[in-house]
Amino acid sequence: MSKNTKTILIVSLITLLVIGLAILIFYLVYQSNSNNTNNDDRNNNTNENNDSNSSINVYDPENLTSTNYEDKTVTIYLFKGRGCPHCEHATEFLETIISEYPYLEVKTYEVWYNDENYELMQEVLSELNLEISKSVPLIVIGDNYYLRGYSSSRDEEIKTAIENAFRDNNYNDFIEDILNNNDINVNEETIN
């Protein structure tokens, strides 16, 4: 084999490796963005379904009529594992904000050591078209917002999701429907 042929062959192999690596990186970035987009789409769906007050992004008691305020509850569902530090941080955060939203209810379910609670989480993940796993924490608000994992950098996003769910005339608490329509004996705790 001539020196030029060897050089062309080596350059071709290196080019193929670089292209393969670029495709792999593109795929990983696309998968990551796809997961974030699904979450953003759920959040954006809430905005599209809001009433004329949708431009307000902060809870404002002056802007609410007493009838819609008294009649509506928004529930946050937190699926957690005993001993999970991220779950503890999420719980602490929710405990600090519950008094800011008089219409908010927070229900938690320990899923690592409670099979019934894990069964409920599996139903929820299935409904959200997410991979079934024991990965926690999982935070769900209505059918337009979910968050797997927790970081304090997501606090404002969670608050916005709460406010959007409250304003959403089509707010759907599908987890309550699952609980009412299935024979799952869960052990739930409520954060007050």
N, C-alpha and C. Protein backbone atom coordinates (compact mmCIF):
# COMPACT_ATOMS: atom_id res chain seq x y z
N MET A 1 0.85 -1.16 0.00
CA MET A 1 0.00 0.00 0.00
C MET A 1 0.90 1.24 0.00
N SER A 2 0.56 2.20 -0.84
CA SER A 2 1.39 3.39 -0.95
C SER A 2 1.16 4.33 0.23
N LYS A 3 2.11 5.22 0.42
CA LYS A 3 2.04 6.18 1.51
C LYS A 3 0.80 7.07 1.37
N ASN A 4 0.48 7.51 0.14
CA ASN A 4 -0.71 8.35 -0.09
C ASN A 4 -1.99 7.59 0.25
N THR A 5 -2.06 6.32 -0.08
CA THR A 5 -3.24 5.51 0.20
C THR A 5 -3.42 5.36 1.71
N LYS A 6 -2.32 5.12 2.43
CA LYS A 6 -2.37 5.01 3.89
C LYS A 6 -2.85 6.32 4.51
N THR A 7 -2.33 7.43 4.03
CA THR A 7 -2.72 8.74 4.54
C THR A 7 -4.21 8.99 4.31
N ILE A 8 -4.68 8.68 3.11
CA ILE A 8 -6.11 8.86 2.79
C ILE A 8 -6.95 7.97 3.69
N LEU A 9 -6.53 6.74 3.91
CA LEU A 9 -7.26 5.81 4.74
C LEU A 9 -7.32 6.30 6.20
N ILE A 10 -6.21 6.77 6.74
CA ILE A 10 -6.17 7.28 8.11
C ILE A 10 -7.04 8.52 8.25
N VAL A 11 -6.94 9.44 7.31
CA VAL A 11 -7.76 10.66 7.35
C VAL A 11 -9.25 10.30 7.27
N SER A 12 -9.58 9.32 6.43
CA SER A 12 -10.98 8.89 6.30
C SER A 12 -11.49 8.30 7.62
N LEU A 13 -10.69 7.46 8.26
CA LEU A 13 -11.09 6.86 9.54
C LEU A 13 -11.28 7.92 10.62
N ILE A 14 -10.34 8.86 10.68
CA ILE A 14 -10.45 9.95 11.66
C ILE A 14 -11.71 10.77 11.40
N THR A 15 -11.99 11.05 10.14
CA THR A 15 -13.20 11.81 9.77
C THR A 15 -14.45 11.05 10.21
N LEU A 16 -14.48 9.74 9.96
CA LEU A 16 -15.63 8.94 10.37
C LEU A 16 -15.79 8.94 11.89
N LEU A 17 -14.69 8.85 12.63
CA LEU A 17 -14.76 8.90 14.09
C LEU A 17 -15.30 10.24 14.57
N VAL A 18 -14.83 11.32 13.99
CA VAL A 18 -15.30 12.66 14.37
C VAL A 18 -16.79 12.80 14.07
N ILE A 19 -17.22 12.33 12.92
CA ILE A 19 -18.64 12.40 12.55
C ILE A 19 -19.48 11.56 13.52
N GLY A 20 -18.98 10.35 13.83
CA GLY A 20 -19.69 9.49 14.79
C GLY A 20 -19.81 10.14 16.14
N LEU A 21 -18.73 10.75 16.62
CA LEU A 21 -18.75 11.46 17.90
C LEU A 21 -19.71 12.63 17.86
N ALA A 22 -19.70 13.37 16.77
CA ALA A 22 -20.62 14.51 16.63
C ALA A 22 -22.07 14.05 16.66
N ILE A 23 -22.36 12.92 16.00
CA ILE A 23 -23.72 12.39 16.01
C ILE A 23 -24.12 11.97 17.42
N LEU A 24 -23.21 11.33 18.15
CA LEU A 24 -23.49 10.92 19.53
C LEU A 24 -23.77 12.12 20.42
N ILE A 25 -22.94 13.14 20.31
CA ILE A 25 -23.15 14.37 21.10
C ILE A 25 -24.48 15.00 20.73
N PHE A 26 -24.78 15.11 19.45
CA PHE A 26 -26.05 15.68 19.01
C PHE A 26 -27.22 14.90 19.60
N TYR A 27 -27.14 13.56 19.57
CA TYR A 27 -28.21 12.71 20.10
C TYR A 27 -28.40 12.97 21.60
N LEU A 28 -27.31 13.02 22.37
CA LEU A 28 -27.41 13.24 23.81
C LEU A 28 -28.00 14.62 24.12
N VAL A 29 -27.57 15.63 23.40
CA VAL A 29 -28.11 16.98 23.59
C VAL A 29 -29.59 17.01 23.21
N TYR A 30 -29.94 16.37 22.12
CA TYR A 30 -31.33 16.32 21.67
C TYR A 30 -32.21 15.64 22.71
N GLN A 31 -31.74 14.51 23.27
CA GLN A 31 -32.51 13.80 24.29
C GLN A 31 -32.71 14.69 25.51
N SER A 32 -31.66 15.38 25.94
CA SER A 32 -31.76 16.26 27.09
C SER A 32 -32.74 17.40 26.81
N ASN A 33 -32.63 18.02 25.64
CA ASN A 33 -33.55 19.10 25.28
C ASN A 33 -34.97 18.59 25.11
N SER A 34 -35.13 17.39 24.62
CA SER A 34 -36.46 16.81 24.44
C SER A 34 -37.15 16.65 25.77
N ASN A 35 -36.41 16.18 26.79
CA ASN A 35 -37.00 16.04 28.13
C ASN A 35 -37.38 17.40 28.69
N ASN A 36 -36.51 18.40 28.51
CA ASN A 36 -36.82 19.74 28.99
C ASN A 36 -37.99 20.34 28.22
N THR A 37 -38.06 20.07 26.90
CA THR A 37 -39.14 20.59 26.09
C THR A 37 -40.48 20.00 26.52
N ASN A 38 -40.50 18.70 26.83
CA ASN A 38 -41.74 18.09 27.31
C ASN A 38 -42.22 18.78 28.56
N ASN A 39 -41.30 19.08 29.46
CA ASN A 39 -41.66 19.77 30.69
C ASN A 39 -42.13 21.19 30.38
N ASP A 40 -41.38 21.89 29.48
CA ASP A 40 -41.78 23.24 29.10
C ASP A 40 -43.12 23.25 28.39
N ASP A 41 -43.37 22.23 27.52
CA ASP A 41 -44.65 22.15 26.81
C ASP A 41 -45.79 22.00 27.80
N ARG A 42 -45.58 21.19 28.84
CA ARG A 42 -46.63 21.04 29.86
C ARG A 42 -46.88 22.39 30.54
N ASN A 43 -45.79 23.12 30.84
CA ASN A 43 -45.95 24.43 31.46
C ASN A 43 -46.61 25.41 30.51
N ASN A 44 -46.23 25.39 29.23
CA ASN A 44 -46.80 26.31 28.25
C ASN A 44 -48.27 26.00 27.99
N ASN A 45 -48.65 24.72 28.04
CA ASN A 45 -50.06 24.38 27.88
C ASN A 45 -50.91 25.05 28.93
N THR A 46 -50.36 25.18 30.12
CA THR A 46 -51.09 25.86 31.18
C THR A 46 -51.33 27.31 30.79
N ASN A 47 -50.30 27.96 30.25
CA ASN A 47 -50.44 29.36 29.86
C ASN A 47 -51.49 29.53 28.77
N GLU A 48 -51.58 28.59 27.82
CA GLU A 48 -52.53 28.70 26.73
C GLU A 48 -53.97 28.53 27.22
N ASN A 49 -54.15 27.81 28.30
CA ASN A 49 -55.50 27.56 28.80
C ASN A 49 -55.97 28.57 29.83
N ASN A 50 -55.15 29.55 30.15
CA ASN A 50 -55.51 30.52 31.18
C ASN A 50 -56.57 31.49 30.70
N ASP A 51 -57.22 32.12 31.67
CA ASP A 51 -58.22 33.13 31.35
C ASP A 51 -57.54 34.46 31.06
N SER A 52 -58.28 35.54 31.06
CA SER A 52 -57.73 36.85 30.69
C SER A 52 -56.68 37.35 31.67
N ASN A 53 -56.56 36.75 32.84
CA ASN A 53 -55.56 37.16 33.81
C ASN A 53 -54.22 36.45 33.59
N SER A 54 -54.04 35.79 32.46
CA SER A 54 -52.86 34.97 32.25
C SER A 54 -51.56 35.77 32.20
N SER A 55 -51.63 37.06 32.00
CA SER A 55 -50.40 37.84 31.96
C SER A 55 -49.84 38.09 33.35
N ILE A 56 -50.60 37.78 34.39
CA ILE A 56 -50.13 37.97 35.75
C ILE A 56 -49.35 36.74 36.16
N ASN A 57 -48.10 36.90 36.56
CA ASN A 57 -47.27 35.77 36.89
C ASN A 57 -47.08 35.59 38.39
N VAL A 58 -47.61 36.46 39.20
CA VAL A 58 -47.44 36.38 40.63
C VAL A 58 -48.82 36.31 41.28
N TYR A 59 -48.95 35.49 42.30
CA TYR A 59 -50.21 35.39 43.04
C TYR A 59 -50.56 36.76 43.60
N ASP A 60 -51.75 37.22 43.28
CA ASP A 60 -52.21 38.53 43.70
C ASP A 60 -53.62 38.42 44.25
N PRO A 61 -53.77 38.40 45.58
CA PRO A 61 -55.11 38.24 46.15
C PRO A 61 -56.06 39.35 45.75
N GLU A 62 -55.56 40.53 45.41
CA GLU A 62 -56.41 41.64 44.98
C GLU A 62 -57.09 41.35 43.65
N ASN A 63 -56.50 40.48 42.85
CA ASN A 63 -56.98 40.21 41.52
C ASN A 63 -57.97 39.04 41.45
N LEU A 64 -58.22 38.40 42.57
CA LEU A 64 -59.07 37.21 42.57
C LEU A 64 -60.44 37.54 43.16
N THR A 65 -61.45 36.98 42.56
CA THR A 65 -62.78 37.13 43.16
C THR A 65 -62.91 36.12 44.27
N SER A 66 -63.75 36.39 45.24
CA SER A 66 -63.86 35.49 46.38
C SER A 66 -64.44 34.14 45.95
N THR A 67 -65.27 34.11 44.92
CA THR A 67 -65.86 32.84 44.52
C THR A 67 -64.84 31.89 43.91
N ASN A 68 -64.01 32.37 42.97
CA ASN A 68 -63.06 31.43 42.39
C ASN A 68 -61.94 31.09 43.36
N TYR A 69 -61.62 31.97 44.29
CA TYR A 69 -60.59 31.70 45.28
C TYR A 69 -61.06 30.61 46.24
N GLU A 70 -62.28 30.70 46.71
CA GLU A 70 -62.78 29.75 47.70
C GLU A 70 -63.06 28.38 47.10
N ASP A 71 -63.37 28.32 45.83
CA ASP A 71 -63.79 27.06 45.22
C ASP A 71 -62.65 26.23 44.65
N LYS A 72 -61.47 26.73 44.60
CA LYS A 72 -60.41 26.02 43.89
C LYS A 72 -59.26 25.65 44.82
N THR A 73 -58.79 24.43 44.65
CA THR A 73 -57.61 23.94 45.35
C THR A 73 -56.64 23.41 44.30
N VAL A 74 -55.39 23.77 44.46
CA VAL A 74 -54.33 23.23 43.62
C VAL A 74 -53.51 22.30 44.52
N THR A 75 -53.29 21.09 44.03
CA THR A 75 -52.56 20.10 44.82
C THR A 75 -51.22 19.80 44.17
N ILE A 76 -50.18 19.85 45.00
CA ILE A 76 -48.85 19.39 44.59
C ILE A 76 -48.69 17.99 45.16
N TYR A 77 -48.28 17.07 44.29
CA TYR A 77 -47.98 15.71 44.72
C TYR A 77 -46.47 15.54 44.69
N LEU A 78 -45.91 15.13 45.83
CA LEU A 78 -44.47 14.91 45.94
C LEU A 78 -44.24 13.43 46.26
N PHE A 79 -43.63 12.73 45.31
CA PHE A 79 -43.24 11.34 45.52
C PHE A 79 -41.78 11.36 45.94
N LYS A 80 -41.50 10.74 47.10
CA LYS A 80 -40.17 10.86 47.67
C LYS A 80 -39.70 9.54 48.24
N GLY A 81 -38.42 9.49 48.57
CA GLY A 81 -37.82 8.31 49.20
C GLY A 81 -37.25 8.69 50.55
N ARG A 82 -37.51 7.87 51.55
CA ARG A 82 -36.98 8.12 52.89
C ARG A 82 -35.46 8.05 52.82
N GLY A 83 -34.81 9.10 53.29
CA GLY A 83 -33.35 9.15 53.26
C GLY A 83 -32.78 9.85 52.04
N CYS A 84 -33.63 10.24 51.11
CA CYS A 84 -33.17 10.92 49.90
C CYS A 84 -32.96 12.41 50.23
N PRO A 85 -31.72 12.92 50.11
CA PRO A 85 -31.48 14.32 50.47
C PRO A 85 -32.21 15.31 49.55
N HIS A 86 -32.34 14.98 48.26
CA HIS A 86 -33.04 15.88 47.34
C HIS A 86 -34.52 15.96 47.71
N CYS A 87 -35.07 14.83 48.15
CA CYS A 87 -36.47 14.80 48.57
C CYS A 87 -36.67 15.67 49.82
N GLU A 88 -35.72 15.60 50.73
CA GLU A 88 -35.81 16.42 51.95
C GLU A 88 -35.76 17.91 51.60
N HIS A 89 -34.89 18.27 50.66
CA HIS A 89 -34.80 19.68 50.24
C HIS A 89 -36.10 20.12 49.57
N ALA A 90 -36.67 19.26 48.75
CA ALA A 90 -37.94 19.60 48.09
C ALA A 90 -39.04 19.77 49.13
N THR A 91 -39.08 18.88 50.11
CA THR A 91 -40.08 18.97 51.18
C THR A 91 -39.92 20.27 51.95
N GLU A 92 -38.69 20.59 52.29
CA GLU A 92 -38.42 21.85 53.03
C GLU A 92 -38.88 23.06 52.23
N PHE A 93 -38.59 23.06 50.92
CA PHE A 93 -39.02 24.17 50.08
C PHE A 93 -40.54 24.29 50.08
N LEU A 94 -41.24 23.19 49.88
CA LEU A 94 -42.70 23.22 49.84
C LEU A 94 -43.28 23.66 51.18
N GLU A 95 -42.64 23.26 52.28
CA GLU A 95 -43.09 23.71 53.60
C GLU A 95 -42.97 25.22 53.75
N THR A 96 -41.95 25.81 53.13
CA THR A 96 -41.75 27.26 53.27
C THR A 96 -42.72 28.07 52.43
N ILE A 97 -43.25 27.49 51.35
CA ILE A 97 -44.11 28.30 50.47
C ILE A 97 -45.60 28.03 50.66
N ILE A 98 -45.98 27.01 51.38
CA ILE A 98 -47.40 26.65 51.44
C ILE A 98 -48.25 27.79 51.99
N SER A 99 -47.71 28.57 52.91
CA SER A 99 -48.50 29.67 53.48
C SER A 99 -48.68 30.82 52.49
N GLU A 100 -47.86 30.88 51.44
CA GLU A 100 -47.99 31.93 50.42
C GLU A 100 -49.20 31.72 49.52
N TYR A 101 -49.69 30.49 49.45
CA TYR A 101 -50.77 30.14 48.53
C TYR A 101 -51.91 29.48 49.32
N PRO A 102 -52.91 30.26 49.72
CA PRO A 102 -53.99 29.70 50.56
C PRO A 102 -54.79 28.60 49.87
N TYR A 103 -54.69 28.51 48.58
CA TYR A 103 -55.44 27.50 47.82
C TYR A 103 -54.61 26.24 47.58
N LEU A 104 -53.39 26.19 48.12
CA LEU A 104 -52.46 25.10 47.83
C LEU A 104 -52.55 23.99 48.87
N GLU A 105 -52.49 22.76 48.38
CA GLU A 105 -52.42 21.58 49.22
C GLU A 105 -51.22 20.76 48.74
N VAL A 106 -50.43 20.25 49.67
CA VAL A 106 -49.27 19.44 49.31
C VAL A 106 -49.42 18.06 49.93
N LYS A 107 -49.38 17.04 49.07
CA LYS A 107 -49.48 15.65 49.53
C LYS A 107 -48.19 14.94 49.16
N THR A 108 -47.63 14.19 50.11
CA THR A 108 -46.39 13.47 49.86
C THR A 108 -46.61 11.97 50.01
N TYR A 109 -45.83 11.22 49.24
CA TYR A 109 -45.91 9.76 49.23
C TYR A 109 -44.50 9.19 49.25
N GLU A 110 -44.19 8.41 50.26
CA GLU A 110 -42.90 7.74 50.34
C GLU A 110 -42.99 6.48 49.48
N VAL A 111 -42.10 6.34 48.48
CA VAL A 111 -42.24 5.26 47.50
C VAL A 111 -41.15 4.18 47.58
N TRP A 112 -40.08 4.41 48.32
CA TRP A 112 -39.03 3.41 48.39
C TRP A 112 -39.40 2.25 49.31
N TYR A 113 -40.16 2.54 50.36
CA TYR A 113 -40.49 1.52 51.35
C TYR A 113 -41.98 1.25 51.44
N ASN A 114 -42.77 1.83 50.56
CA ASN A 114 -44.22 1.62 50.57
C ASN A 114 -44.66 1.21 49.17
N ASP A 115 -45.03 -0.07 49.02
CA ASP A 115 -45.38 -0.61 47.70
C ASP A 115 -46.62 0.05 47.10
N GLU A 116 -47.61 0.37 47.93
CA GLU A 116 -48.84 1.00 47.41
C GLU A 116 -48.53 2.40 46.88
N ASN A 117 -47.71 3.15 47.61
CA ASN A 117 -47.33 4.48 47.13
C ASN A 117 -46.52 4.38 45.84
N TYR A 118 -45.65 3.36 45.75
CA TYR A 118 -44.89 3.15 44.53
C TYR A 118 -45.82 2.78 43.37
N GLU A 119 -46.85 2.00 43.66
CA GLU A 119 -47.83 1.64 42.63
C GLU A 119 -48.53 2.90 42.11
N LEU A 120 -48.88 3.81 43.02
CA LEU A 120 -49.49 5.08 42.60
C LEU A 120 -48.51 5.86 41.72
N MET A 121 -47.25 5.93 42.12
CA MET A 121 -46.27 6.66 41.32
C MET A 121 -46.13 6.02 39.93
N GLN A 122 -46.18 4.71 39.84
CA GLN A 122 -46.11 4.04 38.54
C GLN A 122 -47.29 4.46 37.66
N GLU A 123 -48.49 4.54 38.25
CA GLU A 123 -49.67 4.98 37.50
C GLU A 123 -49.48 6.41 36.99
N VAL A 124 -48.95 7.26 37.86
CA VAL A 124 -48.72 8.66 37.50
C VAL A 124 -47.70 8.76 36.38
N LEU A 125 -46.59 8.04 36.50
CA LEU A 125 -45.56 8.06 35.46
C LEU A 125 -46.11 7.55 34.14
N SER A 126 -46.94 6.53 34.20
CA SER A 126 -47.56 5.99 32.99
C SER A 126 -48.46 7.05 32.34
N GLU A 127 -49.24 7.73 33.15
CA GLU A 127 -50.13 8.79 32.64
C GLU A 127 -49.34 9.93 32.01
N LEU A 128 -48.16 10.21 32.56
CA LEU A 128 -47.31 11.28 32.04
C LEU A 128 -46.41 10.80 30.90
N ASN A 129 -46.52 9.52 30.54
CA ASN A 129 -45.67 8.92 29.51
C ASN A 129 -44.19 9.02 29.85
N LEU A 130 -43.87 8.78 31.12
CA LEU A 130 -42.48 8.81 31.58
C LEU A 130 -42.03 7.40 31.90
N GLU A 131 -40.71 7.20 31.88
CA GLU A 131 -40.14 5.91 32.23
C GLU A 131 -40.48 5.58 33.68
N ILE A 132 -40.90 4.34 33.90
CA ILE A 132 -41.26 3.89 35.24
C ILE A 132 -39.96 3.56 35.98
N SER A 133 -39.76 4.22 37.10
CA SER A 133 -38.58 3.96 37.93
C SER A 133 -38.87 4.46 39.33
N LYS A 134 -37.95 4.18 40.23
CA LYS A 134 -38.10 4.67 41.61
C LYS A 134 -37.32 5.98 41.78
N SER A 135 -37.02 6.65 40.69
CA SER A 135 -36.28 7.89 40.73
C SER A 135 -37.12 8.97 41.40
N VAL A 136 -36.59 9.55 42.45
CA VAL A 136 -37.30 10.58 43.20
C VAL A 136 -36.34 11.74 43.47
N PRO A 137 -36.86 12.89 43.84
CA PRO A 137 -38.28 13.21 43.99
C PRO A 137 -38.96 13.42 42.64
N LEU A 138 -40.26 13.23 42.66
CA LEU A 138 -41.12 13.54 41.52
C LEU A 138 -42.18 14.50 42.03
N ILE A 139 -42.25 15.67 41.41
CA ILE A 139 -43.23 16.70 41.80
C ILE A 139 -44.21 16.84 40.65
N VAL A 140 -45.52 16.75 40.96
CA VAL A 140 -46.55 16.85 39.93
C VAL A 140 -47.59 17.87 40.38
N ILE A 141 -47.94 18.77 39.46
CA ILE A 141 -49.00 19.75 39.69
C ILE A 141 -49.96 19.66 38.51
N GLY A 142 -51.17 19.17 38.76
CA GLY A 142 -52.15 19.02 37.69
C GLY A 142 -51.61 18.12 36.60
N ASP A 143 -52.09 18.31 35.38
CA ASP A 143 -51.58 17.50 34.28
C ASP A 143 -50.69 18.31 33.34
N ASN A 144 -50.29 19.51 33.78
CA ASN A 144 -49.45 20.37 32.93
C ASN A 144 -48.05 20.60 33.48
N TYR A 145 -47.72 20.03 34.64
CA TYR A 145 -46.39 20.27 35.19
C TYR A 145 -45.91 19.06 35.97
N TYR A 146 -44.68 18.64 35.67
CA TYR A 146 -44.01 17.65 36.50
C TYR A 146 -42.53 17.99 36.51
N LEU A 147 -41.86 17.54 37.56
CA LEU A 147 -40.42 17.75 37.69
C LEU A 147 -39.84 16.52 38.34
N ARG A 148 -38.92 15.88 37.66
CA ARG A 148 -38.17 14.76 38.24
C ARG A 148 -36.88 15.31 38.79
N GLY A 149 -36.61 15.01 40.05
CA GLY A 149 -35.43 15.56 40.71
C GLY A 149 -35.80 16.90 41.32
N TYR A 150 -34.87 17.47 42.06
CA TYR A 150 -35.13 18.78 42.64
C TYR A 150 -33.82 19.51 42.84
N SER A 151 -33.87 20.80 42.59
CA SER A 151 -32.77 21.72 42.85
C SER A 151 -33.41 23.06 43.18
N SER A 152 -32.80 23.79 44.09
CA SER A 152 -33.36 25.09 44.46
C SER A 152 -33.41 26.05 43.27
N SER A 153 -32.65 25.76 42.23
CA SER A 153 -32.69 26.60 41.03
C SER A 153 -34.05 26.49 40.34
N ARG A 154 -34.87 25.52 40.70
CA ARG A 154 -36.19 25.33 40.09
C ARG A 154 -37.32 25.92 40.94
N ASP A 155 -36.99 26.56 42.05
CA ASP A 155 -38.02 27.08 42.97
C ASP A 155 -38.99 28.03 42.29
N GLU A 156 -38.48 28.99 41.55
CA GLU A 156 -39.36 29.96 40.88
C GLU A 156 -40.22 29.28 39.83
N GLU A 157 -39.67 28.30 39.15
CA GLU A 157 -40.44 27.54 38.16
C GLU A 157 -41.62 26.82 38.83
N ILE A 158 -41.37 26.25 39.99
CA ILE A 158 -42.43 25.55 40.72
C ILE A 158 -43.50 26.54 41.16
N LYS A 159 -43.09 27.69 41.67
CA LYS A 159 -44.05 28.72 42.09
C LYS A 159 -44.90 29.17 40.90
N THR A 160 -44.28 29.37 39.77
CA THR A 160 -45.01 29.78 38.56
C THR A 160 -46.01 28.70 38.16
N ALA A 161 -45.60 27.44 38.26
CA ALA A 161 -46.50 26.33 37.92
C ALA A 161 -47.71 26.31 38.86
N ILE A 162 -47.50 26.60 40.13
CA ILE A 162 -48.61 26.66 41.10
C ILE A 162 -49.58 27.77 40.69
N GLU A 163 -49.04 28.94 40.41
CA GLU A 163 -49.87 30.09 40.05
C GLU A 163 -50.61 29.84 38.74
N ASN A 164 -49.93 29.25 37.77
CA ASN A 164 -50.57 28.94 36.49
C ASN A 164 -51.69 27.92 36.66
N ALA A 165 -51.45 26.93 37.50
CA ALA A 165 -52.49 25.91 37.74
C ALA A 165 -53.71 26.54 38.39
N PHE A 166 -53.49 27.49 39.28
CA PHE A 166 -54.62 28.15 39.93
C PHE A 166 -55.45 28.95 38.93
N ARG A 167 -54.78 29.59 37.99
CA ARG A 167 -55.50 30.40 37.01
C ARG A 167 -56.09 29.58 35.86
N ASP A 168 -55.64 28.35 35.72
CA ASP A 168 -56.06 27.50 34.60
C ASP A 168 -57.49 27.01 34.80
N ASN A 169 -58.39 27.46 33.94
CA ASN A 169 -59.79 27.03 34.03
C ASN A 169 -59.96 25.55 33.71
N ASN A 170 -58.96 24.95 33.06
CA ASN A 170 -59.02 23.53 32.72
C ASN A 170 -58.09 22.69 33.60
N TYR A 171 -57.75 23.22 34.77
CA TYR A 171 -56.88 22.50 35.70
C TYR A 171 -57.46 21.12 35.96
N ASN A 172 -56.61 20.10 35.82
CA ASN A 172 -57.06 18.71 35.96
C ASN A 172 -56.14 18.00 36.95
N ASP A 173 -56.68 17.62 38.08
CA ASP A 173 -55.94 16.87 39.08
C ASP A 173 -56.11 15.38 38.77
N PHE A 174 -55.35 14.90 37.78
CA PHE A 174 -55.52 13.52 37.32
C PHE A 174 -55.09 12.52 38.38
N ILE A 175 -54.24 12.91 39.32
CA ILE A 175 -53.82 11.98 40.37
C ILE A 175 -54.99 11.72 41.32
N GLU A 176 -55.76 12.75 41.60
CA GLU A 176 -56.96 12.56 42.41
C GLU A 176 -57.91 11.58 41.71
N ASP A 177 -58.02 11.71 40.40
CA ASP A 177 -58.85 10.77 39.63
C ASP A 177 -58.32 9.35 39.75
N ILE A 178 -57.00 9.18 39.68
CA ILE A 178 -56.40 7.85 39.83
C ILE A 178 -56.74 7.28 41.20
N LEU A 179 -56.58 8.11 42.24
CA LEU A 179 -56.86 7.66 43.60
C LEU A 179 -58.33 7.29 43.78
N ASN A 180 -59.22 8.05 43.16
CA ASN A 180 -60.65 7.80 43.31
C ASN A 180 -61.13 6.60 42.50
N ASN A 181 -60.44 6.28 41.42
CA ASN A 181 -60.90 5.23 40.52
C ASN A 181 -60.14 3.92 40.62
N ASN A 182 -59.18 3.83 41.51
CA ASN A 182 -58.41 2.60 41.67
C ASN A 182 -58.44 2.17 43.12
N ASP A 183 -58.19 0.90 43.32
CA ASP A 183 -58.19 0.36 44.67
C ASP A 183 -56.76 0.32 45.19
N ILE A 184 -56.14 1.51 45.28
CA ILE A 184 -54.78 1.62 45.79
C ILE A 184 -54.86 2.18 47.20
N ASN A 185 -54.29 1.46 48.16
CA ASN A 185 -54.34 1.88 49.56
C ASN A 185 -53.04 2.61 49.89
N VAL A 186 -52.98 3.91 49.57
CA VAL A 186 -51.77 4.69 49.74
C VAL A 186 -51.64 5.22 51.17
N ASN A 187 -50.43 5.58 51.50
CA ASN A 187 -50.15 6.23 52.78
C ASN A 187 -49.63 7.62 52.45
N GLU A 188 -50.51 8.61 52.56
CA GLU A 188 -50.13 9.97 52.17
C GLU A 188 -49.97 10.82 53.41
N GLU A 189 -49.06 11.77 53.29
CA GLU A 189 -48.88 12.78 54.32
C GLU A 189 -49.19 14.13 53.69
N THR A 190 -49.78 15.00 54.46
CA THR A 190 -50.10 16.34 53.97
C THR A 190 -49.21 17.34 54.67
N ILE A 191 -48.63 18.24 53.89
CA ILE A 191 -47.81 19.33 54.46
C ILE A 191 -48.74 20.51 54.72
N ASN A 192 -48.73 21.00 55.92
CA ASN A 192 -49.56 22.17 56.28
C ASN A 192 -48.72 23.40 56.46
